[in-house]
PDB file of N, CA and C in Angstrom:
ATOM      1  N   MET A   1      -6.492  -6.318 -10.949  1.00  0.00           N
ATOM      2  CA  MET A   1      -5.813  -6.398 -12.146  1.00  0.00           C
ATOM      3  C   MET A   1      -4.385  -5.737 -12.140  1.00  0.00           C
ATOM      4  N   MET A   2      -3.227  -6.245 -12.396  1.00  0.00           N
ATOM      5  CA  MET A   2      -1.998  -5.657 -12.631  1.00  0.00           C
ATOM      6  C   MET A   2      -1.561  -5.682 -13.991  1.00  0.00           C
ATOM      7  N   LEU A   3      -1.533  -4.433 -14.578  1.00  0.00           N
ATOM      8  CA  LEU A   3      -1.110  -4.295 -16.027  1.00  0.00           C
ATOM      9  C   LEU A   3       0.185  -3.299 -16.207  1.00  0.00           C
ATOM     10  N   HIS A   4       1.309  -3.867 -16.825  1.00  0.00           N
ATOM     11  CA  HIS A   4       2.364  -3.060 -17.148  1.00  0.00           C
ATOM     12  C   HIS A   4       2.215  -2.684 -18.653  1.00  0.00           C
ATOM     13  N   ILE A   5       2.437  -1.311 -18.746  1.00  0.00           N
ATOM     14  CA  ILE A   5       2.433  -0.749 -20.028  1.00  0.00           C
ATOM     15  C   ILE A   5       3.559   0.053 -20.448  1.00  0.00           C
ATOM     16  N   ILE A   6       3.761   0.010 -21.640  1.00  0.00           N
ATOM     17  CA  ILE A   6       4.856   0.962 -22.327  1.00  0.00           C
ATOM     18  C   ILE A   6       4.433   1.843 -23.370  1.00  0.00           C
ATOM     19  N   VAL A   7       4.516   3.073 -23.147  1.00  0.00           N
ATOM     20  CA  VAL A   7       3.816   3.972 -23.945  1.00  0.00           C
ATOM     21  C   VAL A   7       4.946   4.651 -24.836  1.00  0.00           C
ATOM     22  N   SER A   8       4.757   4.576 -26.218  1.00  0.00           N
ATOM     23  CA  SER A   8       5.755   5.086 -27.173  1.00  0.00           C
ATOM     24  C   SER A   8       5.219   6.358 -27.881  1.00  0.00           C
ATOM     25  N   GLY A   9       5.880   7.084 -28.360  1.00  0.00           N
ATOM     26  CA  GLY A   9       5.599   8.324 -29.209  1.00  0.00           C
ATOM     27  C   GLY A   9       6.315   9.429 -28.493  1.00  0.00           C
ATOM     28  N   VAL A  10       5.673  10.677 -28.458  1.00  0.00           N
ATOM     29  CA  VAL A  10       6.292  12.026 -27.914  1.00  0.00           C
ATOM     30  C   VAL A  10       5.624  11.890 -26.532  1.00  0.00           C
ATOM     31  N   VAL A  11       6.509  11.399 -25.645  1.00  0.00           N
ATOM     32  CA  VAL A  11       5.708  11.055 -24.118  1.00  0.00           C
ATOM     33  C   VAL A  11       6.820  11.619 -23.020  1.00  0.00           C
ATOM     34  N   GLN A  12       8.001  12.105 -23.455  1.00  0.00           N
ATOM     35  CA  GLN A  12       8.873  12.604 -22.577  1.00  0.00           C
ATOM     36  C   GLN A  12       8.976  14.098 -22.773  1.00  0.00           C
ATOM     37  N   GLY A  13       9.063  14.832 -21.807  1.00  0.00           N
ATOM     38  CA  GLY A  13       9.272  16.430 -21.810  1.00  0.00           C
ATOM     39  C   GLY A  13       7.840  17.054 -22.025  1.00  0.00           C
ATOM     40  N   VAL A  14       6.826  16.311 -21.826  1.00  0.00           N
ATOM     41  CA  VAL A  14       5.428  16.855 -22.013  1.00  0.00           C
ATOM     42  C   VAL A  14       4.605  16.770 -20.782  1.00  0.00           C
ATOM     43  N   GLY A  15       5.236  16.334 -19.778  1.00  0.00           N
ATOM     44  CA  GLY A  15       4.503  16.273 -18.307  1.00  0.00           C
ATOM     45  C   GLY A  15       3.639  14.883 -18.270  1.00  0.00           C
ATOM     46  N   TYR A  16       4.106  13.881 -19.045  1.00  0.00           N
ATOM     47  CA  TYR A  16       3.288  12.751 -19.182  1.00  0.00           C
ATOM     48  C   TYR A  16       3.174  11.872 -17.819  1.00  0.00           C
ATOM     49  N   ARG A  17       4.307  11.816 -17.247  1.00  0.00           N
ATOM     50  CA  ARG A  17       4.415  10.995 -15.848  1.00  0.00           C
ATOM     51  C   ARG A  17       3.560  11.618 -14.717  1.00  0.00           C
ATOM     52  N   GLN A  18       3.800  12.900 -14.618  1.00  0.00           N
ATOM     53  CA  GLN A  18       2.775  13.821 -13.693  1.00  0.00           C
ATOM     54  C   GLN A  18       1.165  13.673 -14.170  1.00  0.00           C
ATOM     55  N   TRP A  19       0.897  13.731 -15.366  1.00  0.00           N
ATOM     56  CA  TRP A  19      -0.284  13.741 -15.910  1.00  0.00           C
ATOM     57  C   TRP A  19      -0.883  12.199 -15.523  1.00  0.00           C
ATOM     58  N   LEU A  20      -0.188  11.132 -15.811  1.00  0.00           N
ATOM     59  CA  LEU A  20      -0.742   9.916 -15.481  1.00  0.00           C
ATOM     60  C   LEU A  20      -0.968   9.684 -13.977  1.00  0.00           C
ATOM     61  N   ARG A  21       0.115  10.288 -13.253  1.00  0.00           N
ATOM     62  CA  ARG A  21       0.045   9.931 -11.793  1.00  0.00           C
ATOM     63  C   ARG A  21      -1.352  10.763 -11.293  1.00  0.00           C
ATOM     64  N   GLU A  22      -1.704  11.881 -11.696  1.00  0.00           N
ATOM     65  CA  GLU A  22      -2.893  12.550 -11.207  1.00  0.00           C
ATOM     66  C   GLU A  22      -4.097  11.933 -11.616  1.00  0.00           C
ATOM     67  N   ARG A  23      -4.044  11.323 -12.886  1.00  0.00           N
ATOM     68  CA  ARG A  23      -5.286  10.476 -13.349  1.00  0.00           C
ATOM     69  C   ARG A  23      -5.404   9.193 -12.548  1.00  0.00           C
ATOM     70  N   ALA A  24      -4.244   8.636 -12.235  1.00  0.00           N
ATOM     71  CA  ALA A  24      -4.326   7.368 -11.451  1.00  0.00           C
ATOM     72  C   ALA A  24      -4.879   7.525 -10.069  1.00  0.00           C
ATOM     73  N   LEU A  25      -4.276   8.623  -9.415  1.00  0.00           N
ATOM     74  CA  LEU A  25      -4.695   8.878  -8.119  1.00  0.00           C
ATOM     75  C   LEU A  25      -6.193   9.321  -8.031  1.00  0.00           C
ATOM     76  N   ALA A  26      -6.685   9.792  -8.945  1.00  0.00           N
ATOM     77  CA  ALA A  26      -8.182  10.182  -8.937  1.00  0.00           C
ATOM     78  C   ALA A  26      -8.996   9.001  -9.081  1.00  0.00           C
ATOM     79  N   ALA A  27      -8.500   8.085  -9.855  1.00  0.00           N
ATOM     80  CA  ALA A  27      -9.277   6.871 -10.174  1.00  0.00           C
ATOM     81  C   ALA A  27      -8.947   5.861  -9.023  1.00  0.00           C
ATOM     82  N   GLY A  28      -8.137   6.028  -8.229  1.00  0.00           N
ATOM     83  CA  GLY A  28      -7.896   4.978  -7.132  1.00  0.00           C
ATOM     84  C   GLY A  28      -7.028   3.846  -7.630  1.00  0.00           C
ATOM     85  N   VAL A  29      -6.129   4.067  -8.613  1.00  0.00           N
ATOM     86  CA  VAL A  29      -5.257   3.152  -9.163  1.00  0.00           C
ATOM     87  C   VAL A  29      -3.895   3.164  -8.528  1.00  0.00           C
ATOM     88  N   THR A  30      -3.244   2.184  -8.100  1.00  0.00           N
ATOM     89  CA  THR A  30      -2.006   2.108  -7.547  1.00  0.00           C
ATOM     90  C   THR A  30      -1.072   1.612  -8.671  1.00  0.00           C
ATOM     91  N   GLY A  31       0.327   2.007  -8.259  1.00  0.00           N
ATOM     92  CA  GLY A  31       1.357   1.767  -9.253  1.00  0.00           C
ATOM     93  C   GLY A  31       2.497   2.472  -9.278  1.00  0.00           C
ATOM     94  N   TRP A  32       3.128   2.717 -10.443  1.00  0.00           N
ATOM     95  CA  TRP A  32       4.090   3.685 -10.694  1.00  0.00           C
ATOM     96  C   TRP A  32       4.285   4.056 -12.115  1.00  0.00           C
ATOM     97  N   VAL A  33       5.019   5.150 -12.415  1.00  0.00           N
ATOM     98  CA  VAL A  33       5.252   5.451 -13.808  1.00  0.00           C
ATOM     99  C   VAL A  33       6.759   6.041 -13.809  1.00  0.00           C
ATOM    100  N   ARG A  34       7.450   5.529 -15.057  1.00  0.00           N
ATOM    101  CA  ARG A  34       8.945   6.273 -15.088  1.00  0.00           C
ATOM    102  C   ARG A  34       9.257   6.266 -16.527  1.00  0.00           C
ATOM    103  N   ASN A  35      10.112   7.230 -16.726  1.00  0.00           N
ATOM    104  CA  ASN A  35      10.796   7.364 -18.073  1.00  0.00           C
ATOM    105  C   ASN A  35      11.667   6.281 -18.362  1.00  0.00           C
ATOM    106  N   ARG A  36      11.973   5.929 -19.622  1.00  0.00           N
ATOM    107  CA  ARG A  36      12.978   4.914 -19.838  1.00  0.00           C
ATOM    108  C   ARG A  36      13.971   5.684 -20.920  1.00  0.00           C
ATOM    109  N   SER A  37      15.203   5.134 -20.893  1.00  0.00           N
ATOM    110  CA  SER A  37      16.168   5.795 -21.614  1.00  0.00           C
ATOM    111  C   SER A  37      15.840   5.691 -23.067  1.00  0.00           C
ATOM    112  N   ASP A  38      14.982   4.945 -23.598  1.00  0.00           N
ATOM    113  CA  ASP A  38      14.815   4.845 -25.009  1.00  0.00           C
ATOM    114  C   ASP A  38      13.789   5.724 -25.549  1.00  0.00           C
ATOM    115  N   GLY A  39      13.268   6.703 -24.479  1.00  0.00           N
ATOM    116  CA  GLY A  39      12.312   7.617 -24.891  1.00  0.00           C
ATOM    117  C   GLY A  39      10.926   7.314 -24.556  1.00  0.00           C
ATOM    118  N   MET A  40      10.539   5.999 -24.203  1.00  0.00           N
ATOM    119  CA  MET A  40       9.214   5.706 -23.868  1.00  0.00           C
ATOM    120  C   MET A  40       9.098   5.793 -22.336  1.00  0.00           C
ATOM    121  N   VAL A  41       7.803   5.822 -22.079  1.00  0.00           N
ATOM    122  CA  VAL A  41       7.406   5.865 -20.563  1.00  0.00           C
ATOM    123  C   VAL A  41       6.829   4.360 -20.268  1.00  0.00           C
ATOM    124  N   GLU A  42       7.013   3.885 -19.163  1.00  0.00           N
ATOM    125  CA  GLU A  42       6.403   2.640 -18.599  1.00  0.00           C
ATOM    126  C   GLU A  42       5.797   2.800 -17.375  1.00  0.00           C
ATOM    127  N   ALA A  43       4.706   2.063 -17.074  1.00  0.00           N
ATOM    128  CA  ALA A  43       3.954   2.139 -15.833  1.00  0.00           C
ATOM    129  C   ALA A  43       3.439   0.925 -15.504  1.00  0.00           C
ATOM    130  N   LEU A  44       3.058   0.812 -14.093  1.00  0.00           N
ATOM    131  CA  LEU A  44       2.341  -0.448 -13.602  1.00  0.00           C
ATOM    132  C   LEU A  44       1.079   0.219 -13.019  1.00  0.00           C
ATOM    133  N   LEU A  45      -0.089  -0.479 -13.577  1.00  0.00           N
ATOM    134  CA  LEU A  45      -1.408  -0.118 -13.083  1.00  0.00           C
ATOM    135  C   LEU A  45      -1.985  -1.156 -12.281  1.00  0.00           C
ATOM    136  N   CYS A  46      -2.519  -0.943 -11.045  1.00  0.00           N
ATOM    137  CA  CYS A  46      -2.970  -2.037 -10.257  1.00  0.00           C
ATOM    138  C   CYS A  46      -4.359  -1.421  -9.823  1.00  0.00           C
ATOM    139  N   GLY A  47      -5.381  -2.110  -9.930  1.00  0.00           N
ATOM    140  CA  GLY A  47      -6.762  -1.677  -9.595  1.00  0.00           C
ATOM    141  C   GLY A  47      -7.827  -2.612 -10.264  1.00  0.00           C
ATOM    142  N   ALA A  48      -9.026  -2.236 -10.006  1.00  0.00           N
ATOM    143  CA  ALA A  48     -10.113  -2.998 -10.487  1.00  0.00           C
ATOM    144  C   ALA A  48     -10.039  -3.088 -12.168  1.00  0.00           C
ATOM    145  N   PRO A  49     -10.214  -4.082 -12.663  1.00  0.00           N
ATOM    146  CA  PRO A  49     -10.163  -4.341 -14.257  1.00  0.00           C
ATOM    147  C   PRO A  49     -10.803  -3.067 -14.960  1.00  0.00           C
ATOM    148  N   GLU A  50     -12.000  -2.636 -14.774  1.00  0.00           N
ATOM    149  CA  GLU A  50     -12.627  -1.672 -15.438  1.00  0.00           C
ATOM    150  C   GLU A  50     -11.936  -0.284 -15.182  1.00  0.00           C
ATOM    151  N   THR A  51     -11.589  -0.015 -14.087  1.00  0.00           N
ATOM    152  CA  THR A  51     -10.759   1.163 -13.714  1.00  0.00           C
ATOM    153  C   THR A  51      -9.478   1.328 -14.586  1.00  0.00           C
ATOM    154  N   VAL A  52      -8.675   0.194 -14.486  1.00  0.00           N
ATOM    155  CA  VAL A  52      -7.439   0.070 -15.108  1.00  0.00           C
ATOM    156  C   VAL A  52      -7.650   0.241 -16.742  1.00  0.00           C
ATOM    157  N   GLU A  53      -8.599  -0.312 -17.092  1.00  0.00           N
ATOM    158  CA  GLU A  53      -9.029  -0.186 -18.577  1.00  0.00           C
ATOM    159  C   GLU A  53      -9.215   1.195 -19.030  1.00  0.00           C
ATOM    160  N   ASN A  54     -10.028   1.806 -18.245  1.00  0.00           N
ATOM    161  CA  ASN A  54     -10.431   3.379 -18.297  1.00  0.00           C
ATOM    162  C   ASN A  54      -9.173   4.221 -18.408  1.00  0.00           C
ATOM    163  N   LEU A  55      -8.301   4.063 -17.436  1.00  0.00           N
ATOM    164  CA  LEU A  55      -6.906   4.722 -17.321  1.00  0.00           C
ATOM    165  C   LEU A  55      -6.224   4.377 -18.610  1.00  0.00           C
ATOM    166  N   VAL A  56      -6.118   3.169 -19.081  1.00  0.00           N
ATOM    167  CA  VAL A  56      -5.318   2.914 -20.258  1.00  0.00           C
ATOM    168  C   VAL A  56      -5.999   3.686 -21.417  1.00  0.00           C
ATOM    169  N   SER A  57      -7.110   3.682 -21.582  1.00  0.00           N
ATOM    170  CA  SER A  57      -7.939   4.506 -22.564  1.00  0.00           C
ATOM    171  C   SER A  57      -7.489   5.968 -22.453  1.00  0.00           C
ATOM    172  N   GLU A  58      -7.476   6.580 -21.322  1.00  0.00           N
ATOM    173  CA  GLU A  58      -7.005   7.908 -21.150  1.00  0.00           C
ATOM    174  C   GLU A  58      -5.537   8.128 -21.494  1.00  0.00           C
ATOM    175  N   ALA A  59      -4.743   7.138 -21.246  1.00  0.00           N
ATOM    176  CA  ALA A  59      -3.314   7.235 -21.540  1.00  0.00           C
ATOM    177  C   ALA A  59      -2.980   7.258 -23.055  1.00  0.00           C
ATOM    178  N   ARG A  60      -3.975   6.596 -23.756  1.00  0.00           N
ATOM    179  CA  ARG A  60      -3.733   6.682 -25.270  1.00  0.00           C
ATOM    180  C   ARG A  60      -3.755   8.045 -25.779  1.00  0.00           C
ATOM    181  N   LYS A  61      -4.483   9.039 -25.034  1.00  0.00           N
ATOM    182  CA  LYS A  61      -4.662  10.429 -25.394  1.00  0.00           C
ATOM    183  C   LYS A  61      -3.378  11.109 -24.838  1.00  0.00           C
ATOM    184  N   GLY A  62      -3.220  10.903 -23.484  1.00  0.00           N
ATOM    185  CA  GLY A  62      -2.097  11.634 -22.760  1.00  0.00           C
ATOM    186  C   GLY A  62      -2.449  13.087 -22.568  1.00  0.00           C
ATOM    187  N   PRO A  63      -1.352  13.717 -22.050  1.00  0.00           N
ATOM    188  CA  PRO A  63      -1.653  15.240 -21.807  1.00  0.00           C
ATOM    189  C   PRO A  63      -1.415  16.025 -23.027  1.00  0.00           C
ATOM    190  N   ARG A  64      -1.714  17.405 -22.924  1.00  0.00           N
ATOM    191  CA  ARG A  64      -1.557  18.215 -24.128  1.00  0.00           C
ATOM    192  C   ARG A  64      -0.050  18.167 -24.284  1.00  0.00           C
ATOM    193  N   GLY A  65       0.291  18.090 -25.530  1.00  0.00           N
ATOM    194  CA  GLY A  65       1.781  18.135 -26.162  1.00  0.00           C
ATOM    195  C   GLY A  65       2.211  16.581 -26.353  1.00  0.00           C
ATOM    196  N   ALA A  66       1.463  15.796 -25.816  1.00  0.00           N
ATOM    197  CA  ALA A  66       1.960  14.401 -26.069  1.00  0.00           C
ATOM    198  C   ALA A  66       1.384  13.856 -27.334  1.00  0.00           C
ATOM    199  N   VAL A  67       1.952  12.907 -27.989  1.00  0.00           N
ATOM    200  CA  VAL A  67       1.621  12.160 -29.252  1.00  0.00           C
ATOM    201  C   VAL A  67       1.882  10.718 -28.986  1.00  0.00           C
ATOM    202  N   VAL A  68       1.005   9.900 -28.523  1.00  0.00           N
ATOM    203  CA  VAL A  68       0.983   8.613 -28.155  1.00  0.00           C
ATOM    204  C   VAL A  68       0.920   7.883 -29.425  1.00  0.00           C
ATOM    205  N   ALA A  69       1.827   7.116 -29.704  1.00  0.00           N
ATOM    206  CA  ALA A  69       1.994   6.200 -31.130  1.00  0.00           C
ATOM    207  C   ALA A  69       1.372   4.889 -30.763  1.00  0.00           C
ATOM    208  N   ASP A  70       1.776   4.301 -29.617  1.00  0.00           N
ATOM    209  CA  ASP A  70       1.317   2.993 -29.314  1.00  0.00           C
ATOM    210  C   ASP A  70       1.396   2.651 -27.644  1.00  0.00           C
ATOM    211  N   ILE A  71       0.526   1.698 -27.248  1.00  0.00           N
ATOM    212  CA  ILE A  71       0.698   1.180 -25.686  1.00  0.00           C
ATOM    213  C   ILE A  71       0.809  -0.286 -25.895  1.00  0.00           C
ATOM    214  N   GLU A  72       1.915  -0.856 -25.427  1.00  0.00           N
ATOM    215  CA  GLU A  72       2.311  -2.159 -25.457  1.00  0.00           C
ATOM    216  C   GLU A  72       1.824  -2.553 -24.178  1.00  0.00           C
ATOM    217  N   ARG A  73       1.036  -3.685 -23.924  1.00  0.00           N
ATOM    218  CA  ARG A  73       0.333  -4.070 -22.610  1.00  0.00           C
ATOM    219  C   ARG A  73       0.822  -5.645 -22.372  1.00  0.00           C
ATOM    220  N   ARG A  74       1.182  -5.699 -21.155  1.00  0.00           N
ATOM    221  CA  ARG A  74       1.410  -7.140 -20.600  1.00  0.00           C
ATOM    222  C   ARG A  74       1.038  -7.283 -19.168  1.00  0.00           C
ATOM    223  N   GLU A  75       0.904  -8.558 -18.822  1.00  0.00           N
ATOM    224  CA  GLU A  75       0.678  -8.805 -17.357  1.00  0.00           C
ATOM    225  C   GLU A  75       1.747  -8.413 -16.717  1.00  0.00           C
ATOM    226  N   ALA A  76       1.606  -7.888 -15.395  1.00  0.00           N
ATOM    227  CA  ALA A  76       2.703  -7.231 -14.597  1.00  0.00           C
ATOM    228  C   ALA A  76       3.278  -8.452 -13.876  1.00  0.00           C
ATOM    229  N   SER A  77       4.676  -8.353 -13.914  1.00  0.00           N
ATOM    230  CA  SER A  77       5.587  -9.365 -13.094  1.00  0.00           C
ATOM    231  C   SER A  77       5.519  -8.936 -11.693  1.00  0.00           C
ATOM    232  N   ALA A  78       5.802 -10.062 -10.821  1.00  0.00           N
ATOM    233  CA  ALA A  78       5.735  -9.895  -9.406  1.00  0.00           C
ATOM    234  C   ALA A  78       6.814  -8.868  -9.012  1.00  0.00           C
ATOM    235  N   SER A  79       8.112  -8.875  -9.684  1.00  0.00           N
ATOM    236  CA  SER A  79       8.959  -7.611  -9.382  1.00  0.00           C
ATOM    237  C   SER A  79       8.492  -6.366  -9.697  1.00  0.00           C
ATOM    238  N   ALA A  80       7.685  -6.176 -10.704  1.00  0.00           N
ATOM    239  CA  ALA A  80       7.324  -4.873 -11.042  1.00  0.00           C
ATOM    240  C   ALA A  80       6.124  -4.367 -10.092  1.00  0.00           C
ATOM    241  N   ALA A  81       5.399  -5.271  -9.795  1.00  0.00           N
ATOM    242  CA  ALA A  81       4.220  -5.254  -8.689  1.00  0.00           C
ATOM    243  C   ALA A  81       4.817  -4.679  -7.361  1.00  0.00           C
ATOM    244  N   ALA A  82       5.918  -5.097  -7.061  1.00  0.00           N
ATOM    245  CA  ALA A  82       6.512  -4.855  -5.810  1.00  0.00           C
ATOM    246  C   ALA A  82       6.773  -3.554  -5.592  1.00  0.00           C
ATOM    247  N   LEU A  83       7.101  -2.784  -6.615  1.00  0.00           N
ATOM    248  CA  LEU A  83       7.473  -1.319  -6.403  1.00  0.00           C
ATOM    249  C   LEU A  83       6.208  -0.510  -6.219  1.00  0.00           C
ATOM    250  N   ALA A  84       5.037  -1.107  -6.376  1.00  0.00           N
ATOM    251  CA  ALA A  84       3.802  -0.272  -6.152  1.00  0.00           C
ATOM    252  C   ALA A  84       3.596   0.392  -4.838  1.00  0.00           C
ATOM    253  N   ASN A  85       3.738  -0.529  -3.769  1.00  0.00           N
ATOM    254  CA  ASN A  85       3.657   0.113  -2.499  1.00  0.00           C
ATOM    255  C   ASN A  85       2.315   0.706  -2.091  1.00  0.00           C
ATOM    256  N   GLY A  86       1.252   0.361  -2.767  1.00  0.00           N
ATOM    257  CA  GLY A  86      -0.133   0.852  -2.265  1.00  0.00           C
ATOM    258  C   GLY A  86      -0.270   2.354  -2.620  1.00  0.00           C
ATOM    259  N   ASP A  87       0.532   2.953  -3.597  1.00  0.00           N
ATOM    260  CA  ASP A  87       0.331   4.310  -3.919  1.00  0.00           C
ATOM    261  C   ASP A  87       0.547   4.466  -5.333  1.00  0.00           C
ATOM    262  N   PHE A  88       0.491   5.609  -5.948  1.00  0.00           N
ATOM    263  CA  PHE A  88       1.016   5.754  -7.350  1.00  0.00           C
ATOM    264  C   PHE A  88       2.155   6.695  -7.431  1.00  0.00           C
ATOM    265  N   THR A  89       3.299   6.278  -7.639  1.00  0.00           N
ATOM    266  CA  THR A  89       4.409   7.068  -7.637  1.00  0.00           C
ATOM    267  C   THR A  89       5.062   7.328  -8.958  1.00  0.00           C
ATOM    268  N   ILE A  90       5.888   8.255  -9.042  1.00  0.00           N
ATOM    269  CA  ILE A  90       6.836   8.625 -10.179  1.00  0.00           C
ATOM    270  C   ILE A  90       8.213   7.953  -9.790  1.00  0.00           C
ATOM    271  N   ALA A  91       8.505   6.804 -10.373  1.00  0.00           N
ATOM    272  CA  ALA A  91       9.678   6.099 -10.151  1.00  0.00           C
ATOM    273  C   ALA A  91      10.878   6.559 -10.769  1.00  0.00           C
ATOM    274  N   ARG A  92      12.074   6.157 -10.213  1.00  0.00           N
ATOM    275  CA  ARG A  92      13.305   6.790 -10.928  1.00  0.00           C
ATOM    276  C   ARG A  92      13.536   6.223 -12.312  1.00  0.00           C
ATOM    277  N   SER A  93      13.800   7.130 -13.217  1.00  0.00           N
ATOM    278  CA  SER A  93      13.965   6.710 -14.729  1.00  0.00           C
ATOM    279  C   SER A  93      15.101   5.505 -14.836  1.00  0.00           C
ATOM    280  N   ILE A  94      14.927   4.934 -15.771  1.00  0.00           N
ATOM    281  CA  ILE A  94      15.717   3.791 -16.062  1.00  0.00           C
ATOM    282  C   ILE A  94      16.584   4.144 -17.608  1.00  0.00           C
TER     283      ILE A  94
END
């Protein structure tokens, strides 16, 4: 499963990207996470469907200090998936 998510709320400046990376690596999910200029965080999650869904559930809570308002979900595009490279990285902000 390849899922592109956009997380809104108080998700920048609270360690959200690092937190999501740690959770993804522990779960065996590949992909990336990055900050967006609009204050949201976006990520690509690649892995077994159940594992990805569990990570999305965790992402709804986020790290201490985060206040997740919503998670928009959509199927990942080929260009987004190309950035995954078999690891889970913190990508350059856009």
